[in-house]
């Protein structure tokens, strides 16, 4: 087989099962909260991030 060739038998009889009974919940990992930072330097932001991680 050369570059870009394929076996046509693999392209026959392809079926797609569109109704597999499972769905994706796009809101499964939604998070609620707020962050308020005014005129903070990077060290203050890193401290706040560390506090959030510890919670």
Protein backbone atom coordinates (compact mmCIF):
# COMPACT_ATOMS: atom_id res chain seq x y z
CA UNK A 1 0.00 0.00 0.00
CA UNK A 2 1.21 3.43 -0.82
CA UNK A 3 0.91 6.63 1.10
CA UNK A 4 -2.72 7.55 1.67
CA UNK A 5 -4.19 4.24 0.58
CA UNK A 6 -6.69 2.31 2.65
CA UNK A 7 -8.58 -0.93 2.62
CA UNK A 8 -12.02 -0.23 1.13
CA UNK A 9 -13.50 -3.18 3.01
CA UNK A 10 -12.93 -1.24 6.24
CA UNK A 11 -15.06 1.58 4.85
CA UNK A 12 -18.06 -0.63 4.09
CA UNK A 13 -20.81 -1.34 6.61
CA UNK A 14 -19.93 1.30 9.17
CA UNK A 15 -22.71 1.75 11.67
CA UNK A 16 -23.15 4.49 14.21
CA UNK A 17 -25.16 3.79 17.32
CA UNK A 18 -26.53 7.24 18.07
CA UNK A 19 -28.83 6.11 20.88
CA UNK A 20 -26.50 4.44 23.34
CA UNK A 21 -28.63 5.42 26.34
CA UNK A 22 -25.98 7.63 27.90
CA UNK A 23 -25.88 11.37 27.81
CA UNK A 24 -23.31 13.90 28.89
CA UNK A 25 -24.20 16.21 31.75
CA UNK A 26 -22.48 19.47 30.87
CA UNK A 27 -23.32 20.92 34.29
CA UNK A 28 -21.83 18.05 36.28
CA UNK A 29 -18.81 20.08 37.38
CA UNK A 30 -20.28 23.57 37.65
CA UNK A 31 -18.85 25.63 40.47
CA UNK A 32 -20.29 28.65 42.16
CA UNK A 33 -18.38 31.34 43.95
CA UNK A 34 -16.74 34.67 43.55
CA UNK A 35 -13.32 36.18 43.70
CA UNK A 36 -12.71 39.83 44.39
CA UNK A 37 -9.23 41.25 43.97
CA UNK A 38 -8.40 44.91 43.75
CA UNK A 39 -4.86 46.18 43.22
CA UNK A 40 -3.28 42.95 44.47
CA UNK A 41 0.30 42.05 43.64
CA UNK A 42 1.30 38.58 42.52
CA UNK A 43 2.38 37.49 46.01
CA UNK A 44 -1.02 38.39 47.46
CA UNK A 45 -2.72 36.49 44.64
CA UNK A 46 -0.55 33.42 45.28
CA UNK A 47 -1.41 33.60 48.99
CA UNK A 48 -5.12 33.69 48.14
CA UNK A 49 -4.71 30.77 45.77
CA UNK A 50 -3.01 28.75 48.49
CA UNK A 51 -5.86 29.53 50.90
CA UNK A 52 -8.41 28.38 48.31
CA UNK A 53 -6.50 25.13 47.73
CA UNK A 54 -6.39 24.42 51.46
CA UNK A 55 -10.20 24.76 51.78
